[in-house]
Amino acid sequence: MSNTSATRVDEVSRYYASAEKLGAVSVILFWLNAVLSFVMPYSASTINEEWSKVLQAIFLVLVLTYFIISQVSSLYLVPRAELMRRKQLLSNSFGIPLSQDYTSLYYNNSYSPSMQRLGANTMENALFSKEIAAKMLVRKRLVIFGYLFAWLLAFSLRHNNLELLSWITQLVFSGEIIAEWLKLETLRFHHERTYDELYSHFLHKLGQDSSRAVANVLNAFVSYEAAKSNAGILLSTEDFKKLNPILSERWENICQKLDMQN
């Protein structure tokens, strides 16, 4: 990953386009569902029964659509994109093309193709991923705790309208909002742990041909990829663009500090 966007090439990014588009749609659906979840309980008293039923049907369709989109993204689109990114990571690490996609200046370290370069590339990925996930979590936590507060407030007011609680609960839990938040929290934790393990690996300058060094790098690589696969979450491109200059500079400083050279 580089801050020289004018010369950086990343053909693998096209595989993320479909997931990003569905992500934008799911955000719109989420807020529509959020508004309707608070409107629905009072619809019977403000509009006639026929229109109230229509509104309920629309809400249920939107919730179902939101669920389907999230599953398509996490079970197919994101794993497919991550597979191509993993091939590109291995291609760059060992100098052997595994796909037709071309990248340039995506990874930044001075190691020649080797197990050590795989470790450095994975460490760079982990640095960017954990910071982007942390930034995404700021917004995610606000949404989650905002909804929990609204739910508790509705419960404490005791409107004698339990339907309000049922609609809010349905949106929060059936829409997998809580699950997505927990997945993102777990993803950030695992990426941070992978980064720390590789930082220690390069700090202690383990020889690249030693069995221990190979085991450390492979363990970190598998842990990093497994965390992404289990989460099925697409990290924010907008957050990446905002953080890229800062993180690129930090990565350069880390490479100098750890003397990550052959």
Protein backbone atom coordinates (compact mmCIF):
# COMPACT_ATOMS: atom_id res chain seq x y z
CA MET A 1 0.00 0.00 0.00
CA SER A 2 1.41 3.33 -0.98
CA ASN A 3 0.80 7.05 -0.75
CA THR A 4 2.02 7.57 -4.31
CA SER A 5 -1.37 7.08 -5.92
CA ALA A 6 -0.21 8.60 -9.27
CA THR A 7 2.00 5.57 -10.02
CA ARG A 8 0.27 2.91 -7.94
CA VAL A 9 -1.55 0.18 -9.88
CA ASP A 10 -4.05 -2.21 -8.31
CA GLU A 11 -6.12 -4.25 -10.76
CA VAL A 12 -7.39 -6.47 -7.93
CA SER A 13 -9.50 -3.59 -6.61
CA ARG A 14 -12.07 -4.19 -9.36
CA TYR A 15 -13.22 -7.34 -7.58
CA TYR A 16 -14.38 -5.22 -4.66
CA ALA A 17 -16.59 -2.96 -6.80
CA SER A 18 -19.74 -5.13 -6.62
CA ALA A 19 -19.43 -5.55 -2.86
CA GLU A 20 -18.99 -1.79 -2.43
CA LYS A 21 -22.11 -1.08 -4.51
CA LEU A 22 -24.17 -3.53 -2.47
CA GLY A 23 -22.73 -1.97 0.66
CA ALA A 24 -24.03 1.44 -0.40
CA VAL A 25 -27.48 -0.06 -1.03
CA SER A 26 -27.47 -1.78 2.36
CA VAL A 27 -26.71 1.52 4.11
CA ILE A 28 -29.77 3.10 2.47
CA LEU A 29 -31.90 0.10 3.40
CA PHE A 30 -30.66 0.21 6.98
CA TRP A 31 -31.76 3.81 7.51
CA LEU A 32 -35.10 3.20 5.78
CA ASN A 33 -35.68 0.26 8.10
CA ALA A 34 -34.57 2.35 11.06
CA VAL A 35 -37.12 5.06 10.30
CA LEU A 36 -39.92 2.59 9.60
CA SER A 37 -39.19 0.66 12.80
CA PHE A 38 -40.18 3.73 14.81
CA VAL A 39 -43.06 4.73 12.54
CA MET A 40 -44.74 1.32 12.28
CA PRO A 41 -46.11 1.01 15.84
CA TYR A 42 -48.03 4.30 15.49
CA SER A 43 -49.23 3.79 11.91
CA ALA A 44 -52.49 2.14 13.00
CA SER A 45 -53.54 5.23 14.96
CA THR A 46 -52.47 7.79 12.34
CA ILE A 47 -53.51 6.17 9.05
CA ASN A 48 -56.25 3.76 8.06
CA GLU A 49 -55.83 0.04 8.53
CA GLU A 50 -55.33 -0.72 4.84
CA TRP A 51 -52.38 1.66 4.50
CA SER A 52 -50.97 0.43 7.79
CA LYS A 53 -50.85 -3.11 6.40
CA VAL A 54 -49.16 -1.84 3.24
CA LEU A 55 -46.56 -0.09 5.36
CA GLN A 56 -45.95 -3.28 7.35
CA ALA A 57 -45.51 -5.24 4.13
CA ILE A 58 -43.00 -2.70 2.83
CA PHE A 59 -41.07 -2.86 6.07
CA LEU A 60 -40.88 -6.66 6.02
CA VAL A 61 -39.72 -6.63 2.37
CA LEU A 62 -37.01 -4.08 3.16
CA VAL A 63 -35.79 -6.08 6.17
CA LEU A 64 -35.67 -9.26 4.07
CA THR A 65 -33.85 -7.44 1.25
CA TYR A 66 -31.34 -6.04 3.73
CA PHE A 67 -30.70 -9.55 5.04
CA ILE A 68 -30.27 -11.06 1.55
CA ILE A 69 -27.86 -8.33 0.46
CA SER A 70 -25.73 -8.78 3.57
CA GLN A 71 -25.55 -12.54 2.97
CA VAL A 72 -24.66 -12.23 -0.73
CA SER A 73 -21.90 -9.80 0.16
CA SER A 74 -20.43 -11.73 3.10
CA LEU A 75 -20.78 -15.23 1.60
CA TYR A 76 -19.85 -14.59 -2.05
CA LEU A 77 -18.66 -11.14 -3.14
CA VAL A 78 -16.25 -10.38 -0.30
CA PRO A 79 -14.71 -13.91 -0.22
CA ARG A 80 -14.20 -13.80 -4.00
CA ALA A 81 -12.44 -10.43 -3.75
CA GLU A 82 -10.34 -11.62 -0.81
CA LEU A 83 -9.32 -14.73 -2.76
CA MET A 84 -7.94 -12.57 -5.58
CA ARG A 85 -6.21 -10.31 -3.06
CA ARG A 86 -4.64 -13.35 -1.40
CA LYS A 87 -3.31 -14.57 -4.77
CA GLN A 88 -1.86 -11.14 -5.40
CA LEU A 89 -0.25 -11.11 -1.94
CA LEU A 90 1.43 -14.48 -2.57
CA SER A 91 2.45 -13.46 -6.08
CA ASN A 92 4.15 -10.35 -4.77
CA SER A 93 5.74 -12.21 -1.87
CA PHE A 94 7.33 -14.98 -3.93
CA GLY A 95 7.61 -13.40 -7.39
CA ILE A 96 5.36 -16.03 -8.98
CA PRO A 97 2.19 -14.82 -10.78
CA LEU A 98 -0.89 -16.68 -9.59
CA SER A 99 -3.43 -14.59 -11.50
CA GLN A 100 -3.68 -12.28 -14.49
CA ASP A 101 -4.15 -9.18 -12.33
CA TYR A 102 -1.28 -6.73 -12.08
CA THR A 103 -0.29 -4.58 -9.13
CA SER A 104 2.51 -2.08 -8.62
CA LEU A 105 3.60 -0.28 -5.43
CA TYR A 106 0.83 -1.93 -3.43
CA TYR A 107 3.35 -3.34 -0.96
CA ASN A 108 6.36 -1.38 0.23
CA ASN A 109 9.40 -3.14 1.66
CA SER A 110 12.87 -3.90 0.36
CA TYR A 111 12.82 -7.69 0.72
CA SER A 112 13.30 -9.76 -2.40
CA PRO A 113 10.75 -12.55 -3.05
CA SER A 114 10.98 -14.76 0.02
CA MET A 115 9.25 -15.88 3.19
CA GLN A 116 10.44 -12.66 4.84
CA ARG A 117 8.69 -10.60 2.16
CA LEU A 118 5.48 -12.53 2.82
CA GLY A 119 5.83 -11.61 6.48
CA ALA A 120 6.47 -7.94 5.70
CA ASN A 121 3.53 -7.80 3.26
CA THR A 122 1.22 -9.43 5.80
CA MET A 123 2.41 -7.05 8.49
CA GLU A 124 1.69 -4.06 6.24
CA ASN A 125 -1.77 -5.44 5.47
CA ALA A 126 -2.45 -5.98 9.17
CA LEU A 127 -1.39 -2.41 10.00
CA PHE A 128 -3.74 -0.88 7.46
CA SER A 129 -6.60 -3.29 8.20
CA LYS A 130 -6.57 -2.83 11.97
CA GLU A 131 -6.54 0.97 11.68
CA ILE A 132 -9.31 1.05 9.07
CA ALA A 133 -11.42 -1.34 11.17
CA ALA A 134 -10.84 0.84 14.23
CA LYS A 135 -12.07 3.92 12.35
CA MET A 136 -15.13 2.03 11.09
CA LEU A 137 -15.89 0.90 14.64
CA VAL A 138 -16.30 4.49 15.80
CA ARG A 139 -19.38 4.85 13.57
CA LYS A 140 -20.59 1.30 14.17
CA ARG A 141 -20.52 1.71 17.96
CA LEU A 142 -22.47 4.96 17.75
CA VAL A 143 -25.20 3.27 15.70
CA ILE A 144 -25.35 0.18 17.91
CA PHE A 145 -25.47 2.00 21.24
CA GLY A 146 -27.82 4.61 19.81
CA TYR A 147 -30.28 1.86 18.96
CA LEU A 148 -29.85 0.15 22.29
CA PHE A 149 -30.53 3.46 24.01
CA ALA A 150 -33.67 3.98 21.92
CA TRP A 151 -34.81 0.45 22.76
CA LEU A 152 -34.30 0.99 26.50
CA LEU A 153 -36.00 4.39 26.33
CA ALA A 154 -39.01 2.91 24.59
CA PHE A 155 -39.17 0.18 27.23
CA SER A 156 -38.91 2.63 30.13
CA LEU A 157 -41.65 4.91 28.76
CA ARG A 158 -44.13 2.01 28.89
CA HIS A 159 -46.49 3.22 26.20
CA ASN A 160 -48.58 0.06 26.61
CA ASN A 161 -47.46 -0.56 23.06
CA LEU A 162 -45.24 -3.60 23.07
CA GLU A 163 -45.31 -3.58 19.28
CA LEU A 164 -42.80 -0.73 19.39
CA LEU A 165 -40.31 -2.94 21.20
CA SER A 166 -40.96 -5.83 18.84
CA TRP A 167 -40.26 -3.73 15.74
CA ILE A 168 -37.04 -2.27 17.14
CA THR A 169 -35.89 -5.69 18.33
CA GLN A 170 -36.66 -7.21 14.95
CA LEU A 171 -34.59 -4.60 13.15
CA VAL A 172 -31.63 -4.84 15.52
CA PHE A 173 -31.39 -8.62 15.67
CA SER A 174 -32.91 -9.99 12.45
CA GLY A 175 -30.99 -7.39 10.44
CA GLU A 176 -27.74 -8.77 11.91
CA ILE A 177 -26.68 -5.34 13.07
CA ILE A 178 -25.32 -6.68 16.34
CA ALA A 179 -23.59 -9.55 14.52
CA GLU A 180 -21.87 -7.20 12.07
CA TRP A 181 -20.60 -5.05 14.90
CA LEU A 182 -19.18 -8.04 16.78
CA LYS A 183 -17.54 -9.36 13.61
CA LEU A 184 -15.85 -6.02 13.04
CA GLU A 185 -14.66 -5.88 16.65
CA THR A 186 -13.24 -9.40 16.32
CA LEU A 187 -11.63 -8.60 12.98
CA ARG A 188 -9.82 -5.56 14.37
CA PHE A 189 -8.61 -7.58 17.37
CA HIS A 190 -7.19 -10.40 15.21
CA HIS A 191 -5.49 -7.98 12.80
CA GLU A 192 -3.92 -6.13 15.71
CA ARG A 193 -2.62 -9.40 17.14
CA THR A 194 -1.19 -10.43 13.76
CA TYR A 195 0.56 -7.08 13.45
CA ASP A 196 2.04 -7.38 16.96
CA GLU A 197 3.31 -10.91 16.27
CA LEU A 198 5.03 -9.87 13.05
CA TYR A 199 6.44 -6.74 14.64
CA SER A 200 8.06 -8.96 17.26
CA HIS A 201 9.27 -11.30 14.50
CA PHE A 202 11.13 -8.55 12.63
CA LEU A 203 12.26 -6.82 15.83
CA HIS A 204 14.15 -9.93 16.92
CA LYS A 205 15.53 -10.40 13.37
CA LEU A 206 14.83 -14.10 13.01
CA GLY A 207 16.67 -15.56 10.03
CA GLN A 208 14.41 -16.06 7.05
CA ASP A 209 15.64 -19.62 6.46
CA SER A 210 15.19 -20.85 10.02
CA SER A 211 12.30 -23.19 10.78
CA ARG A 212 11.06 -20.87 13.51
CA ALA A 213 10.99 -17.86 11.18
CA VAL A 214 9.08 -19.77 8.51
CA ALA A 215 6.59 -21.05 11.10
CA ASN A 216 6.07 -17.54 12.54
CA VAL A 217 5.39 -15.99 9.15
CA LEU A 218 3.08 -18.77 7.99
CA ASN A 219 1.14 -18.67 11.27
CA ALA A 220 0.68 -14.90 10.98
CA PHE A 221 -0.34 -15.14 7.31
CA VAL A 222 -2.91 -17.87 7.98
CA SER A 223 -4.28 -16.01 11.02
CA TYR A 224 -4.68 -12.82 9.02
CA GLU A 225 -6.45 -14.53 6.12
CA ALA A 226 -8.62 -16.66 8.40
CA ALA A 227 -9.82 -13.58 10.28
CA LYS A 228 -10.86 -11.90 7.04
CA SER A 229 -12.59 -15.05 5.81
CA ASN A 230 -14.54 -15.58 9.04
CA ALA A 231 -15.69 -11.97 9.23
CA GLY A 232 -16.78 -11.59 5.60
CA ILE A 233 -16.63 -7.81 6.06
CA LEU A 234 -15.54 -5.30 3.44
CA LEU A 235 -13.34 -2.58 4.91
CA SER A 236 -14.25 0.97 3.98
CA THR A 237 -12.56 2.34 0.85
CA GLU A 238 -13.26 5.89 1.97
CA ASP A 239 -11.55 5.30 5.30
CA PHE A 240 -8.61 3.75 3.46
CA LYS A 241 -8.22 6.84 1.28
CA LYS A 242 -8.30 9.11 4.33
CA LEU A 243 -5.84 7.04 6.35
CA ASN A 244 -3.53 5.98 3.51
CA PRO A 245 -1.12 8.97 3.64
CA ILE A 246 -0.77 8.75 7.43
CA LEU A 247 -0.41 4.97 7.52
CA SER A 248 1.99 4.91 4.56
CA GLU A 249 4.27 7.32 6.37
CA ARG A 250 3.98 5.26 9.55
CA TRP A 251 4.84 2.10 7.62
CA GLU A 252 7.95 3.71 6.13
CA ASN A 253 9.08 4.68 9.63
CA ILE A 254 8.46 1.14 10.87
CA CYS A 255 10.52 -0.31 8.02
CA GLN A 256 13.40 2.00 8.89
CA LYS A 257 13.15 1.33 12.62
CA LEU A 258 13.12 -2.44 12.18
CA ASP A 259 15.74 -2.36 9.40
CA MET A 260 13.49 -4.49 7.19
CA GLN A 261 16.10 -5.12 4.53
CA ASN A 262 17.82 -8.12 3.06
